[in-house]
Protein backbone atom coordinates (compact mmCIF):
# COMPACT_ATOMS: atom_id res chain seq x y z
CA MET A 1 -17.92 42.78 -86.42
CA ALA A 2 -14.30 42.20 -85.24
CA SER A 3 -15.23 41.83 -81.61
CA SER A 4 -18.15 39.56 -82.67
CA PHE A 5 -15.84 37.41 -84.71
CA MET A 6 -13.15 37.24 -82.17
CA ARG A 7 -15.43 36.26 -79.28
CA GLN A 8 -15.36 32.64 -80.46
CA PHE A 9 -11.64 32.35 -79.31
CA GLU A 10 -12.01 33.77 -75.85
CA LYS A 11 -11.37 31.72 -72.67
CA LYS A 12 -12.27 32.36 -69.16
CA ARG A 13 -9.85 31.50 -66.27
CA SER A 14 -9.98 32.27 -62.54
CA ILE A 15 -7.29 34.37 -60.93
CA LEU A 16 -4.37 32.08 -59.80
CA LYS A 17 -1.80 32.58 -57.12
CA ARG A 18 1.39 33.86 -58.63
CA SER A 19 5.01 34.20 -57.67
CA GLY A 20 6.07 37.82 -57.62
CA LYS A 21 9.59 36.84 -58.83
CA LYS A 22 8.48 35.18 -61.85
CA TYR A 23 5.06 36.57 -62.66
CA VAL A 24 3.65 40.14 -62.78
CA GLU A 25 2.08 40.84 -59.19
CA GLU A 26 -1.43 41.17 -60.73
CA ALA A 27 -3.31 39.99 -63.70
CA LEU A 28 -1.48 41.31 -66.75
CA TYR A 29 -4.57 43.09 -68.13
CA LYS A 30 -5.21 44.89 -64.75
CA ASN A 31 -1.61 45.90 -64.82
CA LEU A 32 -1.85 47.37 -68.30
CA PHE A 33 -4.76 49.53 -67.35
CA LYS A 34 -4.06 50.33 -63.74
CA ASN A 35 -3.30 53.98 -64.59
CA GLY A 36 -6.42 54.36 -66.54
CA GLY A 37 -7.34 53.73 -70.14
CA GLU A 38 -5.34 56.41 -71.97
CA ASP A 39 -3.51 54.97 -74.84
CA GLN A 40 -0.15 56.35 -73.98
CA SER A 41 -0.39 55.08 -70.43
CA VAL A 42 -1.36 51.54 -71.73
CA ARG A 43 1.58 51.50 -74.07
CA GLU A 44 3.99 52.56 -71.31
CA GLN A 45 2.71 49.71 -69.10
CA LEU A 46 3.15 47.12 -71.67
CA ASN A 47 6.53 48.28 -72.61
CA HIS A 48 7.34 48.09 -68.81
CA PHE A 49 6.03 44.49 -68.62
CA LEU A 50 7.99 43.30 -71.78
CA LYS A 51 11.40 44.87 -70.52
CA SER A 52 10.85 43.26 -67.17
CA TYR A 53 10.97 39.69 -68.74
CA LYS A 54 8.37 38.52 -66.15
CA SER A 55 6.04 35.80 -67.17
CA ALA A 56 2.12 35.92 -67.25
CA TYR A 57 -0.36 33.05 -67.41
CA LYS A 58 -1.54 32.24 -70.94
CA TRP A 59 -5.14 32.98 -70.21
CA GLU A 60 -4.35 36.63 -68.98
CA VAL A 61 -2.27 37.17 -72.04
CA GLY A 62 -5.49 36.16 -74.01
CA LYS A 63 -7.63 38.46 -71.89
CA SER A 64 -5.01 41.42 -72.41
CA LEU A 65 -5.10 40.95 -75.97
CA LYS A 66 -8.85 41.28 -75.96
CA HIS A 67 -8.63 44.49 -73.92
CA LEU A 68 -5.98 45.97 -76.39
CA ARG A 69 -8.07 44.92 -79.46
CA SER A 70 -11.05 46.56 -77.99
CA ARG A 71 -9.16 49.87 -77.64
CA LYS A 72 -7.93 49.42 -81.14
CA LEU A 73 -4.33 49.10 -79.87
CA TYR A 74 -3.47 46.66 -82.53
CA GLY A 75 0.34 47.45 -82.74
CA PRO A 76 0.82 46.80 -78.95
CA ALA A 77 -1.37 43.64 -78.93
CA LEU A 78 0.84 42.21 -81.83
CA LYS A 79 4.02 43.12 -80.06
CA LEU A 80 2.53 41.27 -76.95
CA SER A 81 1.51 38.28 -78.93
CA GLU A 82 4.85 38.02 -80.81
CA THR A 83 6.98 38.47 -77.58
CA MET A 84 5.01 35.92 -75.57
CA GLU A 85 5.50 33.31 -78.42
CA LYS A 86 9.23 34.00 -78.24
CA ARG A 87 9.22 33.33 -74.49
CA GLY A 88 7.81 29.87 -75.14
CA MET A 89 4.05 30.45 -74.94
CA ASN A 90 2.46 27.83 -77.36
CA ARG A 91 -0.19 28.99 -79.80
CA THR A 92 -3.44 27.05 -80.49
CA VAL A 93 -5.05 27.35 -83.77
CA SER A 94 -7.47 29.90 -82.34
CA ASP A 95 -4.43 31.82 -81.03
CA GLU A 96 -3.11 31.86 -84.52
CA ALA A 97 -6.36 33.19 -85.97
CA ILE A 98 -6.27 35.96 -83.43
CA HIS A 99 -2.69 36.61 -84.36
CA LEU A 100 -3.44 36.78 -88.11
CA ASP A 101 -6.17 39.32 -87.37
CA LEU A 102 -3.60 41.54 -85.47
CA VAL A 103 -1.06 41.21 -88.27
CA ALA A 104 -3.64 42.53 -90.75
CA LYS A 105 -4.58 45.36 -88.58
CA SER A 106 -1.12 46.32 -87.77
CA ASN A 107 0.92 45.48 -90.90
CA GLY A 108 -1.73 45.13 -93.72
CA ILE A 109 -3.57 42.39 -95.61
CA SER A 110 -0.39 41.41 -97.50
CA ALA A 111 1.35 40.68 -94.33
CA ALA A 112 -1.60 38.72 -93.03
CA GLU A 113 -1.74 36.53 -96.18
CA THR A 114 1.94 35.75 -95.88
CA TYR A 115 1.34 34.79 -92.20
CA PHE A 116 -1.61 32.56 -93.37
CA LEU A 117 0.40 30.76 -96.21
CA ASN A 118 3.21 30.16 -93.79
CA LEU A 119 1.07 28.24 -91.20
CA PRO A 120 1.39 24.56 -90.96
CA GLU A 121 -1.41 22.73 -92.99
CA SER A 122 -2.74 21.45 -89.59
CA SER A 123 -3.51 24.99 -88.58
CA LYS A 124 -5.42 25.83 -91.79
CA ASN A 125 -8.95 25.14 -90.73
CA HIS A 126 -12.22 26.98 -90.36
CA LEU A 127 -10.63 29.24 -87.60
CA THR A 128 -7.73 30.69 -89.58
CA TYR A 129 -9.56 30.62 -92.89
CA GLY A 130 -12.48 32.41 -91.07
CA ALA A 131 -9.90 35.05 -89.77
CA LEU A 132 -8.45 35.72 -93.17
CA LEU A 133 -11.95 36.01 -94.63
CA ASN A 134 -12.88 38.44 -91.90
CA CYS A 135 -9.78 40.53 -92.83
CA TYR A 136 -10.77 40.74 -96.57
CA CYS A 137 -14.33 41.71 -95.47
CA LYS A 138 -12.96 44.37 -93.21
CA ASP A 139 -10.89 45.78 -95.87
CA LEU A 140 -13.94 45.65 -98.26
CA MET A 141 -12.10 43.38 -100.58
CA THR A 142 -15.14 41.65 -102.13
CA GLU A 143 -13.51 39.51 -104.74
CA LYS A 144 -11.08 37.93 -102.46
CA ALA A 145 -13.65 37.51 -99.73
CA VAL A 146 -16.11 35.65 -102.07
CA ALA A 147 -13.34 33.57 -103.68
CA LEU A 148 -11.94 32.44 -100.22
CA PHE A 149 -15.45 31.69 -98.85
CA GLU A 150 -16.08 29.42 -101.93
CA LYS A 151 -12.74 27.64 -101.34
CA MET A 152 -13.85 27.14 -97.70
CA LYS A 153 -16.91 25.41 -98.76
CA GLU A 154 -14.95 23.32 -101.47
CA LEU A 155 -12.73 22.12 -98.56
CA ASN A 156 -15.78 21.16 -96.74
CA LEU A 157 -14.48 23.13 -93.66
CA GLU A 158 -16.79 23.27 -90.72
CA LEU A 159 -18.86 26.32 -91.15
CA THR A 160 -20.74 28.37 -88.58
CA SER A 161 -22.55 31.60 -88.79
CA MET A 162 -19.13 33.47 -88.56
CA PRO A 163 -18.12 33.54 -92.11
CA TYR A 164 -21.72 34.31 -93.36
CA ASN A 165 -21.90 37.16 -90.85
CA SER A 166 -18.52 38.52 -92.32
CA LEU A 167 -19.90 38.26 -95.81
CA MET A 168 -23.27 40.07 -94.95
CA THR A 169 -21.30 42.82 -93.06
CA LEU A 170 -19.16 43.27 -96.29
CA HIS A 171 -22.28 43.60 -98.70
CA LEU A 172 -23.91 46.08 -96.17
CA LYS A 173 -20.71 48.12 -96.06
CA THR A 174 -20.31 48.18 -99.81
CA GLY A 175 -23.83 49.36 -100.43
CA LEU A 176 -25.21 45.91 -101.32
CA PRO A 177 -27.72 45.31 -98.58
CA LYS A 178 -30.05 43.39 -101.02
CA MET A 179 -27.41 40.57 -101.08
CA VAL A 180 -27.98 39.84 -97.42
CA PRO A 181 -31.37 37.94 -97.62
CA THR A 182 -29.82 35.83 -100.27
CA ILE A 183 -27.14 34.86 -97.81
CA ILE A 184 -29.76 34.19 -95.14
CA GLN A 185 -31.43 31.78 -97.47
CA GLU A 186 -28.40 29.81 -98.02
CA MET A 187 -27.65 29.57 -94.28
CA LYS A 188 -31.25 28.23 -93.83
CA ALA A 189 -30.74 25.82 -96.75
CA CYS A 190 -27.46 24.56 -95.19
CA ASP A 191 -28.94 24.41 -91.79
CA ILE A 192 -26.30 26.81 -90.39
CA MET A 193 -27.68 28.14 -87.07
CA PRO A 194 -27.74 31.87 -86.88
CA ASP A 195 -26.57 33.93 -84.00
CA ILE A 196 -27.26 37.09 -82.44
CA TYR A 197 -25.02 39.14 -84.89
CA THR A 198 -26.76 37.35 -87.86
CA TYR A 199 -30.06 38.78 -86.82
CA ASN A 200 -28.48 42.14 -86.12
CA VAL A 201 -26.85 42.56 -89.52
CA TRP A 202 -29.94 41.08 -91.18
CA MET A 203 -32.04 43.74 -89.57
CA ARG A 204 -29.49 46.61 -90.53
CA ALA A 205 -29.59 45.34 -94.14
CA LEU A 206 -33.34 45.61 -94.24
CA ALA A 207 -33.20 49.11 -92.51
CA ALA A 208 -30.78 50.23 -95.28
CA VAL A 209 -33.55 49.66 -98.03
CA GLU A 210 -36.04 51.34 -95.56
CA ASP A 211 -37.97 48.07 -94.93
CA ILE A 212 -39.02 48.70 -91.36
CA PRO A 213 -41.72 46.16 -91.52
CA GLY A 214 -39.19 43.50 -92.78
CA VAL A 215 -37.01 44.37 -89.70
CA GLU A 216 -39.90 43.81 -87.36
CA LYS A 217 -40.48 40.44 -89.14
CA VAL A 218 -37.00 39.37 -88.49
CA ILE A 219 -37.39 40.03 -84.65
CA ASP A 220 -40.82 37.97 -84.94
CA GLU A 221 -38.87 35.07 -86.66
CA MET A 222 -36.18 35.18 -84.11
CA LYS A 223 -38.69 34.77 -81.34
CA ARG A 224 -40.61 32.08 -83.18
CA ASP A 225 -37.40 30.02 -83.91
CA GLY A 226 -36.50 30.04 -80.22
CA ARG A 227 -32.88 28.90 -80.67
CA VAL A 228 -31.50 32.29 -80.37
CA ALA A 229 -32.70 34.68 -77.52
CA GLY A 230 -32.56 38.26 -78.17
CA ASP A 231 -30.05 39.98 -75.84
CA TRP A 232 -29.35 43.81 -75.23
CA THR A 233 -27.54 44.27 -78.51
CA THR A 234 -30.59 43.04 -80.43
CA TYR A 235 -32.68 45.85 -79.05
CA SER A 236 -29.89 48.31 -79.04
CA ASN A 237 -29.84 47.61 -82.86
CA LEU A 238 -33.63 47.82 -83.14
CA ALA A 239 -33.66 51.26 -81.32
CA SER A 240 -30.89 52.67 -83.47
CA ILE A 241 -32.85 51.60 -86.64
CA TYR A 242 -36.10 53.09 -85.22
CA ALA A 243 -34.24 56.38 -84.29
CA ASP A 244 -32.58 56.60 -87.86
CA ALA A 245 -36.17 56.35 -89.16
CA GLY A 246 -37.43 58.84 -86.81
CA LEU A 247 -39.75 56.54 -85.07
CA PHE A 248 -38.93 57.66 -81.69
CA ASP A 249 -41.93 56.15 -79.81
CA LYS A 250 -40.87 52.74 -81.23
CA ALA A 251 -37.23 53.54 -80.24
CA ASN A 252 -38.16 54.33 -76.75
CA LYS A 253 -39.96 51.03 -76.50
CA ALA A 254 -36.97 49.11 -77.81
CA LEU A 255 -34.71 51.04 -75.34
CA ARG A 256 -37.00 49.94 -72.45
CA GLU A 257 -36.62 46.31 -73.57
CA LEU A 258 -32.87 46.89 -73.82
CA GLU A 259 -32.87 47.85 -70.16
CA VAL A 260 -34.77 44.68 -69.21
CA LYS A 261 -32.29 42.55 -71.21
CA ASN A 262 -29.37 43.99 -69.56
CA THR A 263 -29.36 41.53 -66.87
CA ARG A 264 -25.67 41.33 -66.39
CA ARG A 265 -25.41 45.08 -66.08
CA GLU A 266 -22.84 45.55 -68.72
CA LEU A 267 -21.22 48.87 -69.08
CA SER A 268 -21.69 48.67 -72.80
CA ALA A 269 -25.43 48.43 -72.59
CA TYR A 270 -25.54 51.58 -70.25
CA GLN A 271 -23.49 53.52 -72.77
CA PHE A 272 -25.73 52.55 -75.68
CA LEU A 273 -28.69 53.48 -73.52
CA ILE A 274 -27.16 56.94 -73.01
CA THR A 275 -26.19 57.29 -76.63
CA LEU A 276 -29.48 56.21 -78.09
CA HIS A 277 -31.67 58.29 -75.63
CA GLY A 278 -29.44 61.28 -76.78
CA ARG A 279 -30.34 60.42 -80.48
CA THR A 280 -33.95 60.53 -79.67
CA GLY A 281 -33.43 63.90 -77.90
CA ASN A 282 -34.59 62.56 -74.44
CA LEU A 283 -32.30 64.57 -72.01
CA HIS A 284 -34.29 63.26 -69.00
CA GLU A 285 -33.58 59.72 -69.91
CA VAL A 286 -29.98 60.42 -70.61
CA TYR A 287 -29.50 61.69 -67.10
CA ARG A 288 -31.68 58.86 -65.56
CA ILE A 289 -29.39 56.25 -67.29
CA TRP A 290 -26.27 58.17 -66.22
CA ARG A 291 -27.28 58.04 -62.52
CA SER A 292 -27.92 54.26 -62.79
CA LEU A 293 -24.60 53.75 -64.48
CA LYS A 294 -22.91 55.46 -61.54
CA LEU A 295 -24.71 53.49 -59.04
CA VAL A 296 -23.83 50.16 -60.56
CA PHE A 297 -20.17 50.82 -61.21
CA HIS A 298 -18.17 52.01 -58.15
CA ARG A 299 -15.63 53.62 -60.30
CA THR A 300 -16.84 55.38 -63.33
CA ALA A 301 -14.58 54.71 -66.35
CA ASN A 302 -12.98 57.59 -68.45
CA ILE A 303 -14.84 55.94 -71.53
CA SER A 304 -18.17 56.52 -69.62
CA TYR A 305 -17.49 60.11 -69.10
CA LEU A 306 -16.32 60.62 -72.61
CA ASN A 307 -19.54 59.08 -73.91
CA MET A 308 -22.00 61.09 -71.58
CA ILE A 309 -20.21 64.28 -72.21
CA GLN A 310 -20.38 63.80 -76.10
CA VAL A 311 -24.12 63.02 -75.79
CA LEU A 312 -24.63 66.23 -73.73
CA VAL A 313 -22.69 68.30 -76.13
CA ASN A 314 -24.76 66.84 -78.97
CA LEU A 315 -27.82 67.75 -77.13
CA ASN A 316 -26.64 71.52 -76.74
CA ASP A 317 -26.63 70.91 -72.95
CA LEU A 318 -23.08 72.68 -72.52
CA PRO A 319 -23.65 73.56 -68.87
CA GLY A 320 -24.30 69.89 -68.15
CA ALA A 321 -21.38 68.75 -70.25
CA GLU A 322 -19.16 71.21 -68.20
CA LYS A 323 -20.52 70.01 -64.84
CA CYS A 324 -19.83 66.38 -66.04
CA PHE A 325 -16.42 67.23 -67.11
CA LYS A 326 -15.43 69.09 -63.73
CA GLU A 327 -16.69 66.09 -61.86
CA TRP A 328 -14.45 63.68 -64.07
CA ALA A 329 -11.40 65.99 -63.86
CA SER A 330 -11.59 66.34 -60.13
CA GLY A 331 -11.62 62.40 -59.57
CA CYS A 332 -9.66 60.82 -62.44
CA LYS A 333 -6.38 59.32 -61.81
CA THR A 334 -5.12 59.68 -65.23
CA TYR A 335 -6.19 62.71 -67.43
CA ASP A 336 -7.47 61.40 -70.69
CA ILE A 337 -7.06 63.97 -73.24
CA ARG A 338 -10.00 62.29 -75.32
CA VAL A 339 -12.48 63.37 -72.65
CA GLY A 340 -11.12 67.08 -72.76
CA ASN A 341 -11.23 66.90 -76.51
CA VAL A 342 -15.09 66.86 -76.44
CA LEU A 343 -15.56 69.88 -74.65
CA ILE A 344 -12.58 71.69 -76.32
CA GLY A 345 -14.51 70.93 -79.72
CA ALA A 346 -17.64 72.20 -78.28
CA TYR A 347 -16.08 75.41 -77.27
CA LEU A 348 -14.24 76.04 -80.53
CA ARG A 349 -17.43 75.38 -82.57
CA GLU A 350 -19.13 78.02 -80.47
CA GLY A 351 -16.12 80.33 -80.84
CA LEU A 352 -15.28 80.07 -77.19
CA PHE A 353 -11.53 80.04 -77.89
CA ASN A 354 -10.49 81.18 -74.43
CA LYS A 355 -12.38 78.42 -72.77
CA ALA A 356 -10.90 75.82 -74.98
CA GLU A 357 -7.39 77.12 -74.27
CA VAL A 358 -8.11 76.76 -70.56
CA LEU A 359 -8.81 72.99 -70.93
CA MET A 360 -5.80 72.63 -73.13
CA ASN A 361 -3.53 74.21 -70.53
CA LEU A 362 -5.28 71.97 -67.83
CA ALA A 363 -4.54 68.84 -69.89
CA ARG A 364 -0.72 69.92 -70.07
CA ARG A 365 -0.57 70.58 -66.33
CA ARG A 366 -2.14 67.24 -65.64
CA GLY A 367 0.49 65.53 -67.70
CA SER A 368 -1.46 64.93 -70.99
CA LYS A 369 -0.24 66.07 -74.28
CA PRO A 370 -2.67 67.20 -77.13
CA ASN A 371 -3.22 64.35 -79.59
CA SER A 372 -3.89 64.50 -83.24
CA LYS A 373 -7.62 64.90 -82.67
CA SER A 374 -6.90 67.97 -80.44
CA TRP A 375 -5.00 69.63 -83.20
CA LYS A 376 -7.69 68.68 -85.77
CA LEU A 377 -10.25 70.51 -83.61
CA TYR A 378 -8.13 73.59 -83.67
CA LEU A 379 -7.36 73.26 -87.35
CA ASP A 380 -11.27 73.34 -88.05
CA TYR A 381 -11.58 76.38 -85.87
CA TYR A 382 -8.64 78.40 -87.84
CA MET A 383 -9.95 77.04 -91.18
CA LYS A 384 -13.41 78.58 -90.52
CA ARG A 385 -11.68 81.97 -89.75
CA ARG A 386 -9.39 81.67 -92.70
CA ASP A 387 -6.36 81.92 -90.38
CA ILE A 388 -4.14 79.92 -92.74
CA LYS A 389 -0.87 80.24 -90.93
CA SER A 390 -2.26 78.82 -87.72
CA ALA A 391 -4.13 76.33 -89.71
CA VAL A 392 -0.92 75.04 -91.26
CA ASP A 393 0.84 74.84 -87.70
CA CYS A 394 -2.16 72.74 -86.64
CA VAL A 395 -1.45 70.30 -89.53
CA GLU A 396 2.02 70.06 -88.54
CA ASN A 397 1.39 69.60 -84.83
CA ALA A 398 -1.42 66.89 -85.70
CA ILE A 399 1.18 64.96 -87.84
CA SER A 400 3.79 65.08 -84.97
CA ALA A 401 1.18 64.06 -82.26
CA GLY A 402 0.07 61.18 -84.52
CA LYS A 403 3.58 59.77 -84.85
CA VAL A 404 3.83 59.88 -81.05
CA GLU A 405 0.70 57.93 -80.77
CA GLY A 406 1.88 55.22 -83.07
CA ASP A 407 -1.09 56.12 -85.57
CA GLU A 408 -0.12 58.26 -88.50
CA TRP A 409 -2.38 61.25 -89.08
CA ALA A 410 -2.94 63.07 -92.49
CA PRO A 411 -5.17 65.94 -93.35
CA SER A 412 -8.30 65.22 -95.43
CA PRO A 413 -7.96 65.99 -99.30
CA LEU A 414 -10.69 68.77 -98.74
CA ILE A 415 -8.51 70.49 -96.13
CA VAL A 416 -5.48 70.24 -98.32
CA ARG A 417 -7.37 71.62 -101.10
CA ASP A 418 -8.73 74.61 -99.19
CA LEU A 419 -5.32 75.49 -97.86
CA MET A 420 -3.73 75.28 -101.26
CA GLN A 421 -6.38 77.51 -102.74
CA HIS A 422 -5.90 80.15 -100.15
CA LEU A 423 -2.05 79.96 -100.70
CA GLU A 424 -2.83 80.13 -104.46
CA HIS A 425 -5.01 83.24 -103.98
CA ASN A 426 -1.99 85.04 -102.03
CA GLU A 427 0.53 83.86 -104.61
CA ASP A 428 2.50 82.63 -101.65
CA VAL A 429 5.33 80.33 -102.94
CA GLU A 430 7.15 80.12 -99.64
CA GLY A 431 3.96 79.24 -97.70
CA ALA A 432 2.88 76.52 -100.29
CA GLU A 433 6.36 75.06 -100.39
CA ALA A 434 6.41 74.86 -96.53
CA PHE A 435 3.06 73.34 -96.34
CA LEU A 436 3.96 70.58 -98.80
CA ALA A 437 7.13 70.06 -96.87
CA ILE A 438 4.85 69.35 -93.80
CA LEU A 439 2.64 66.92 -95.83
CA THR A 440 5.62 64.80 -96.84
CA LYS A 441 6.03 63.97 -93.15
CA SER A 442 2.62 62.33 -93.19
CA LYS A 443 1.16 59.42 -95.19
CA TYR A 444 -0.62 61.92 -97.39
CA LYS A 445 -0.05 61.08 -101.11
CA LEU A 446 0.45 64.36 -103.27
CA GLN A 447 -2.04 64.25 -106.23
CA SER A 448 -2.05 66.13 -109.44
CA GLU A 449 -4.48 68.60 -108.10
CA VAL A 450 -2.31 69.77 -105.40
CA LEU A 451 0.95 69.90 -107.56
CA GLU A 452 -0.86 71.79 -110.23
CA SER A 453 -2.00 74.30 -107.65
CA LEU A 454 1.67 74.84 -106.66
CA ILE A 455 2.62 75.18 -110.31
CA ARG A 456 0.00 77.78 -110.59
CA ILE A 457 1.40 79.66 -107.62
CA TYR A 458 4.89 79.64 -109.19
CA ALA A 459 3.40 81.07 -112.42
CA ALA A 460 1.28 83.67 -110.77
CA SER A 461 4.19 85.05 -108.76
CA ARG A 462 6.48 84.83 -111.89
CA LYS A 463 9.05 82.63 -110.09
CA LYS A 464 10.83 79.63 -111.66
CA SER A 465 11.77 76.18 -110.34
CA SER A 466 14.79 73.94 -111.15
CA THR A 467 13.35 71.00 -109.47
CA MET A 468 9.54 71.05 -110.47
CA ARG A 469 9.90 68.57 -113.40
CA GLN A 470 11.85 65.94 -111.21
CA ARG A 471 9.31 66.34 -108.49
CA ILE A 472 6.30 65.66 -110.95
CA LYS A 473 8.31 62.63 -112.09
CA MET A 474 9.12 61.36 -108.61
CA GLU A 475 5.37 61.64 -107.47
CA LYS A 476 4.16 59.73 -110.59
CA VAL A 477 1.35 62.22 -111.15
CA LYS A 478 -0.18 63.08 -114.72
CA LEU A 479 -0.69 66.73 -115.22
CA SER A 480 -3.51 68.31 -117.24
CA GLU A 481 -2.70 70.11 -120.59
CA GLU A 482 -2.76 73.35 -118.80
CA GLY A 483 -0.56 72.07 -116.01
CA MET A 484 1.97 70.94 -118.45
CA LYS A 485 2.04 74.24 -120.19
CA LEU A 486 2.65 76.22 -116.93
CA LEU A 487 5.28 73.56 -116.02
CA ASN A 488 7.13 74.46 -119.04
CA ASP A 489 6.84 78.12 -118.28
CA ILE A 490 8.10 77.98 -114.76
CA SER A 491 10.90 75.45 -115.42
CA TYR A 492 14.42 76.41 -116.29
CA GLN A 493 15.16 75.27 -119.89
């Protein structure tokens, strides 16, 4: 939804001649991604540009922000946006809408609300209101979203399909797909022209209530209306719906239409084709589209290899995935750990630990460090084998790696519960305390269940604590009656 919403703010420009002394030597977005698409590399290139104090044309800053957002590098995108404004780059209202979206994704919805309130009244139009509405919808804040949308109507702001699309997506994500047809009827009554995304979310809403005939009627209505021509995303959406419903013949027909509609030979279309043929179990078509992709694109991107290897792993074609990985590893300029992670995960799930270690060592030799996802794969492996010490080490490594990536990682409540249960079974006070000390380095919020488990470990091992009462108070958790009794037993009077 975010990419669809932001598309209205994009502007296209041709490459202009630039002075090497004042401007970066090549378009900024090319500069950022010249060493490959790995997040760490992009961050380093961005920091290098910002420290150089060189300029970039406004249109290429906009395109750079688009690329960064598409990679979910919201923090670096916000940093670029803020820095360029400080260097005198004027923001239009559409730029402010994009910036608001970045603030929300990087610093949270409260920061975005503050940014919106501080905008001059002349900037508070359908673009910035729509951006804030989209943020509420992304964060599933239904009450605020509906209230803001009603205010937009009261202010008689120019309304397009965008805010309606945001609301429909919100209702779909919050388990209220039956609300979508009502919004569609309001759009028709207000003569709001739908767009491709409108039809796509409408189809998904009907699919969510298993109304496949209704989905097909939407396609028919779109064709009859004639104002919006279905593109490849329409048929990608339709194929996905059919695949979910197990209607593989219809899915394959939609995929053939997807190919026809991909007249601009977009990379995303090829990747969806590979993914969806994989979901229908059609390995032959997966390889056919892969060959087509490589013929169209002179240099195959890391993200394409990542997608292909993942599909082959899902289809249990491990030899094919290994062959594809070797082809990528032998030719890639920058080793992207995300590609390696796919095969590492496959090896670990199959119990092929030594093969996984070979890939981890290869990544290190190629200058790429394991990320939080890498350690999560090993965590799952050790948890399955009840190797708790190694599992705890993986949690610590994943948290540390997440901080380096600028994206805090924390274990799931299920993982924490399983580890605490094992430590409780062994009456391991030192191990439990060490594990909780690791958790405090992450964004994980200790709950009463975890702290009661710790109290039970103290009680079972007949050890006392002089700080447990204070810890419970600081964490602001409410213990059960049994937990309170044990807390009294283990605490010094």
